[in-house]
Amino acid sequence: MVIMNIAKAFWQAYRGRQLWLGLKKEYKLTDWDWAMLFPSDSEEETALALGLVKSFYQFEELSGEILLIFCREEFKILAESFPFPQKGRVAIGREACESLLKLYSFYHFEGNFIVASLDKPAGRKAGRLLGYKGLSRFDLYQAFVFRLPHDTGTGNGGNGP
């Protein structure tokens, strides 16, 4: 049974790798470009993460564009209102999303790839800190997902958008 679970995980990661290579080719991603996966089923959480992308782009002084990868089709429209250079927006569906997450959990296959989630891939547990010493979901995304200083991008001391 254990061997079957391991084989299944590797097969899922392999499918994630094939998907990733296809996305890189289709969107002509260069070494200067970034890709961000938004695996949440929550519109509020996805919007919160998208709201920090511009601050991340400016803080890191990026020169490339960002490919936004969503697991839900209806979230692609959220990105239209955020002003940062976008390589494209693509919705890949839940199964493909899980394959990319499985690949990422095995190894960080791309230096310019961010999973915009507090609890995915499996093993990431930043969400457990919600409320600890007053930490908000915004604070956690800012610090643990995008690795931004506490007051970057909001002008309000990190209290959220």
C-alpha atoms as a PDB file:
ATOM      1  CA  MET A   1       0.000   0.000   0.000  1.00  0.00           C
ATOM      2  CA  VAL A   2       2.800   2.411   0.878  1.00  0.00           C
ATOM      3  CA  ILE A   3       4.550   1.710  -2.416  1.00  0.00           C
ATOM      4  CA  MET A   4       1.312   2.404  -4.304  1.00  0.00           C
ATOM      5  CA  ASN A   5       0.894   5.740  -2.495  1.00  0.00           C
ATOM      6  CA  ILE A   6       4.466   6.695  -3.330  1.00  0.00           C
ATOM      7  CA  ALA A   7       3.984   5.681  -6.964  1.00  0.00           C
ATOM      8  CA  LYS A   8       0.751   7.693  -7.121  1.00  0.00           C
ATOM      9  CA  ALA A   9       2.497  10.763  -5.664  1.00  0.00           C
ATOM     10  CA  PHE A  10       5.343  10.479  -8.161  1.00  0.00           C
ATOM     11  CA  TRP A  11       2.882  10.070 -11.040  1.00  0.00           C
ATOM     12  CA  GLN A  12       1.002  13.179  -9.904  1.00  0.00           C
ATOM     13  CA  ALA A  13       4.289  15.117  -9.650  1.00  0.00           C
ATOM     14  CA  TYR A  14       5.254  13.889 -13.125  1.00  0.00           C
ATOM     15  CA  ARG A  15       1.967  15.232 -14.508  1.00  0.00           C
ATOM     16  CA  GLY A  16       2.710  18.501 -12.686  1.00  0.00           C
ATOM     17  CA  ARG A  17       6.124  18.632 -14.346  1.00  0.00           C
ATOM     18  CA  GLN A  18       4.601  18.105 -17.794  1.00  0.00           C
ATOM     19  CA  LEU A  19       2.066  20.844 -17.081  1.00  0.00           C
ATOM     20  CA  TRP A  20       4.796  23.210 -15.882  1.00  0.00           C
ATOM     21  CA  LEU A  21       6.949  22.647 -18.962  1.00  0.00           C
ATOM     22  CA  GLY A  22       3.913  23.286 -21.148  1.00  0.00           C
ATOM     23  CA  LEU A  23       3.110  26.543 -19.334  1.00  0.00           C
ATOM     24  CA  LYS A  24       6.728  27.704 -19.587  1.00  0.00           C
ATOM     25  CA  LYS A  25       6.702  27.088 -23.319  1.00  0.00           C
ATOM     26  CA  GLU A  26       3.220  28.491 -24.007  1.00  0.00           C
ATOM     27  CA  TYR A  27       3.832  31.720 -22.085  1.00  0.00           C
ATOM     28  CA  LYS A  28       7.502  31.978 -23.109  1.00  0.00           C
ATOM     29  CA  LEU A  29       8.703  32.359 -19.519  1.00  0.00           C
ATOM     30  CA  THR A  30      12.254  33.650 -19.241  1.00  0.00           C
ATOM     31  CA  ASP A  31      14.665  33.681 -16.298  1.00  0.00           C
ATOM     32  CA  TRP A  32      13.369  37.166 -15.472  1.00  0.00           C
ATOM     33  CA  ASP A  33       9.713  36.154 -15.311  1.00  0.00           C
ATOM     34  CA  TRP A  34       7.851  34.783 -12.310  1.00  0.00           C
ATOM     35  CA  ALA A  35       4.946  32.386 -11.946  1.00  0.00           C
ATOM     36  CA  MET A  36       2.509  32.473  -9.046  1.00  0.00           C
ATOM     37  CA  LEU A  37       0.053  29.723  -8.245  1.00  0.00           C
ATOM     38  CA  PHE A  38      -3.141  30.689  -6.408  1.00  0.00           C
ATOM     39  CA  PRO A  39      -4.560  27.374  -5.113  1.00  0.00           C
ATOM     40  CA  SER A  40      -7.222  28.736  -2.761  1.00  0.00           C
ATOM     41  CA  ASP A  41     -10.925  28.121  -3.319  1.00  0.00           C
ATOM     42  CA  SER A  42     -11.628  31.342  -1.421  1.00  0.00           C
ATOM     43  CA  GLU A  43     -12.138  34.478  -3.498  1.00  0.00           C
ATOM     44  CA  GLU A  44     -11.291  36.639  -0.483  1.00  0.00           C
ATOM     45  CA  GLU A  45      -7.999  34.839   0.113  1.00  0.00           C
ATOM     46  CA  THR A  46      -7.060  34.961  -3.582  1.00  0.00           C
ATOM     47  CA  ALA A  47      -7.822  38.700  -3.717  1.00  0.00           C
ATOM     48  CA  LEU A  48      -5.732  39.257  -0.577  1.00  0.00           C
ATOM     49  CA  ALA A  49      -2.749  37.478  -2.135  1.00  0.00           C
ATOM     50  CA  LEU A  50      -3.179  39.335  -5.445  1.00  0.00           C
ATOM     51  CA  GLY A  51      -3.174  42.606  -3.526  1.00  0.00           C
ATOM     52  CA  LEU A  52       0.366  41.894  -2.344  1.00  0.00           C
ATOM     53  CA  VAL A  53       1.838  40.964  -5.735  1.00  0.00           C
ATOM     54  CA  LYS A  54       2.527  44.587  -6.744  1.00  0.00           C
ATOM     55  CA  SER A  55       4.362  45.221  -3.454  1.00  0.00           C
ATOM     56  CA  PHE A  56       6.377  42.050  -4.024  1.00  0.00           C
ATOM     57  CA  TYR A  57       7.183  43.133  -7.583  1.00  0.00           C
ATOM     58  CA  GLN A  58       8.391  46.556  -6.408  1.00  0.00           C
ATOM     59  CA  PHE A  59      10.223  45.289  -3.313  1.00  0.00           C
ATOM     60  CA  GLU A  60      12.155  42.677  -5.273  1.00  0.00           C
ATOM     61  CA  GLU A  61      12.757  45.199  -8.089  1.00  0.00           C
ATOM     62  CA  LEU A  62      11.665  42.660 -10.658  1.00  0.00           C
ATOM     63  CA  SER A  63      12.172  43.359 -14.338  1.00  0.00           C
ATOM     64  CA  GLY A  64      10.166  40.506 -15.858  1.00  0.00           C
ATOM     65  CA  GLU A  65       6.480  39.751 -15.938  1.00  0.00           C
ATOM     66  CA  ILE A  66       4.325  37.493 -13.785  1.00  0.00           C
ATOM     67  CA  LEU A  67       2.260  34.525 -14.963  1.00  0.00           C
ATOM     68  CA  LEU A  68      -0.738  34.121 -12.686  1.00  0.00           C
ATOM     69  CA  ILE A  69      -1.971  30.536 -12.367  1.00  0.00           C
ATOM     70  CA  PHE A  70      -5.383  30.000 -10.797  1.00  0.00           C
ATOM     71  CA  CYS A  71      -7.072  26.756  -9.823  1.00  0.00           C
ATOM     72  CA  ARG A  72     -10.507  28.284 -10.419  1.00  0.00           C
ATOM     73  CA  GLU A  73     -11.557  29.895 -13.692  1.00  0.00           C
ATOM     74  CA  GLU A  74     -13.694  32.597 -12.057  1.00  0.00           C
ATOM     75  CA  PHE A  75     -10.697  34.020 -10.159  1.00  0.00           C
ATOM     76  CA  LYS A  76      -8.846  35.068 -13.337  1.00  0.00           C
ATOM     77  CA  ILE A  77     -10.994  38.199 -13.565  1.00  0.00           C
ATOM     78  CA  LEU A  78      -9.789  39.325 -10.115  1.00  0.00           C
ATOM     79  CA  ALA A  79      -6.319  39.938 -11.555  1.00  0.00           C
ATOM     80  CA  GLU A  80      -7.562  42.494 -14.097  1.00  0.00           C
ATOM     81  CA  SER A  81      -7.758  45.221 -11.463  1.00  0.00           C
ATOM     82  CA  PHE A  82      -4.207  44.805 -10.164  1.00  0.00           C
ATOM     83  CA  PRO A  83      -1.536  46.981 -11.827  1.00  0.00           C
ATOM     84  CA  PHE A  84       1.606  44.901 -12.262  1.00  0.00           C
ATOM     85  CA  PRO A  85       3.218  43.446 -15.393  1.00  0.00           C
ATOM     86  CA  GLN A  86       1.387  40.234 -16.227  1.00  0.00           C
ATOM     87  CA  LYS A  87       2.686  37.588 -18.599  1.00  0.00           C
ATOM     88  CA  GLY A  88      -0.752  36.079 -18.600  1.00  0.00           C
ATOM     89  CA  ARG A  89      -3.554  34.605 -16.532  1.00  0.00           C
ATOM     90  CA  VAL A  90      -4.489  30.954 -16.750  1.00  0.00           C
ATOM     91  CA  ALA A  91      -6.931  28.723 -14.893  1.00  0.00           C
ATOM     92  CA  ILE A  92      -5.818  25.106 -14.824  1.00  0.00           C
ATOM     93  CA  GLY A  93      -8.485  23.350 -12.742  1.00  0.00           C
ATOM     94  CA  ARG A  94      -8.246  21.605  -9.396  1.00  0.00           C
ATOM     95  CA  GLU A  95      -6.637  18.337 -10.578  1.00  0.00           C
ATOM     96  CA  ALA A  96      -3.864  20.112 -12.499  1.00  0.00           C
ATOM     97  CA  CYS A  97      -3.377  22.473  -9.570  1.00  0.00           C
ATOM     98  CA  GLU A  98      -2.892  19.533  -7.221  1.00  0.00           C
ATOM     99  CA  SER A  99      -0.317  18.087  -9.646  1.00  0.00           C
ATOM    100  CA  LEU A 100       1.682  21.336  -9.620  1.00  0.00           C
ATOM    101  CA  LEU A 101       1.474  21.436  -5.827  1.00  0.00           C
ATOM    102  CA  LYS A 102       2.697  17.834  -5.615  1.00  0.00           C
ATOM    103  CA  LEU A 103       5.642  18.673  -7.873  1.00  0.00           C
ATOM    104  CA  TYR A 104       6.458  21.737  -5.751  1.00  0.00           C
ATOM    105  CA  SER A 105       6.255  19.682  -2.555  1.00  0.00           C
ATOM    106  CA  PHE A 106       8.887  17.264  -3.924  1.00  0.00           C
ATOM    107  CA  TYR A 107      11.298  20.010  -4.895  1.00  0.00           C
ATOM    108  CA  HIS A 108      11.275  23.700  -5.661  1.00  0.00           C
ATOM    109  CA  PHE A 109      11.551  23.197  -9.391  1.00  0.00           C
ATOM    110  CA  GLU A 110      11.780  26.867 -10.278  1.00  0.00           C
ATOM    111  CA  GLY A 111      13.379  29.700  -8.313  1.00  0.00           C
ATOM    112  CA  ASN A 112      10.848  32.175  -9.670  1.00  0.00           C
ATOM    113  CA  PHE A 113       7.741  30.248  -8.597  1.00  0.00           C
ATOM    114  CA  ILE A 114       5.549  31.176  -5.640  1.00  0.00           C
ATOM    115  CA  VAL A 115       2.629  29.253  -4.181  1.00  0.00           C
ATOM    116  CA  ALA A 116       0.336  31.969  -2.824  1.00  0.00           C
ATOM    117  CA  SER A 117      -1.115  29.976   0.054  1.00  0.00           C
ATOM    118  CA  LEU A 118      -0.713  29.713   3.802  1.00  0.00           C
ATOM    119  CA  ASP A 119      -1.442  25.977   3.906  1.00  0.00           C
ATOM    120  CA  LYS A 120      -0.465  24.519   0.535  1.00  0.00           C
ATOM    121  CA  PRO A 121       1.422  22.493  -0.473  1.00  0.00           C
ATOM    122  CA  ALA A 122       0.908  19.888   2.226  1.00  0.00           C
ATOM    123  CA  GLY A 123       3.138  20.603   5.186  1.00  0.00           C
ATOM    124  CA  ARG A 124       2.955  24.392   4.982  1.00  0.00           C
ATOM    125  CA  LYS A 125       1.304  25.483   8.201  1.00  0.00           C
ATOM    126  CA  ALA A 126       1.539  29.290   8.313  1.00  0.00           C
ATOM    127  CA  GLY A 127      -2.237  29.495   8.773  1.00  0.00           C
ATOM    128  CA  ARG A 128      -1.854  28.085  12.279  1.00  0.00           C
ATOM    129  CA  LEU A 129      -0.313  31.413  13.303  1.00  0.00           C
ATOM    130  CA  LEU A 130      -3.496  33.341  12.479  1.00  0.00           C
ATOM    131  CA  GLY A 131      -4.395  35.395  15.541  1.00  0.00           C
ATOM    132  CA  TYR A 132      -1.127  34.648  17.347  1.00  0.00           C
ATOM    133  CA  LYS A 133      -0.007  37.965  18.892  1.00  0.00           C
ATOM    134  CA  GLY A 134      -2.542  39.704  16.684  1.00  0.00           C
ATOM    135  CA  LEU A 135      -1.269  38.361  13.355  1.00  0.00           C
ATOM    136  CA  SER A 136      -3.810  38.770  10.563  1.00  0.00           C
ATOM    137  CA  ARG A 137      -4.131  36.760   7.365  1.00  0.00           C
ATOM    138  CA  PHE A 138      -2.654  39.796   5.574  1.00  0.00           C
ATOM    139  CA  ASP A 139       0.389  39.781   7.905  1.00  0.00           C
ATOM    140  CA  LEU A 140       0.945  36.079   7.263  1.00  0.00           C
ATOM    141  CA  TYR A 141       0.781  36.431   3.485  1.00  0.00           C
ATOM    142  CA  GLN A 142       3.082  39.423   3.649  1.00  0.00           C
ATOM    143  CA  ALA A 143       5.704  37.669   5.779  1.00  0.00           C
ATOM    144  CA  PHE A 144       5.515  33.977   4.879  1.00  0.00           C
ATOM    145  CA  VAL A 145       4.360  33.886   1.267  1.00  0.00           C
ATOM    146  CA  PHE A 146       5.842  37.043  -0.249  1.00  0.00           C
ATOM    147  CA  ARG A 147       8.582  37.648   2.379  1.00  0.00           C
ATOM    148  CA  LEU A 148       7.896  41.373   2.542  1.00  0.00           C
ATOM    149  CA  PRO A 149       8.777  43.692   5.434  1.00  0.00           C
ATOM    150  CA  HIS A 150       5.873  44.286   7.794  1.00  0.00           C
ATOM    151  CA  ASP A 151       4.751  47.669   6.423  1.00  0.00           C
ATOM    152  CA  THR A 152       5.515  47.247   2.712  1.00  0.00           C
ATOM    153  CA  GLY A 153       2.953  48.402   0.221  1.00  0.00           C
ATOM    154  CA  THR A 154       0.026  49.379   2.405  1.00  0.00           C
ATOM    155  CA  GLY A 155       1.041  52.647   4.004  1.00  0.00           C
ATOM    156  CA  ASN A 156      -1.027  51.633   7.040  1.00  0.00           C
ATOM    157  CA  GLY A 157       1.489  49.731   9.153  1.00  0.00           C
ATOM    158  CA  GLY A 158       0.639  46.322   7.769  1.00  0.00           C
ATOM    159  CA  ASN A 159      -2.999  46.296   8.854  1.00  0.00           C
ATOM    160  CA  GLY A 160      -4.175  45.035   5.498  1.00  0.00           C
ATOM    161  CA  PRO A 161      -5.697  46.633   2.444  1.00  0.00           C
END
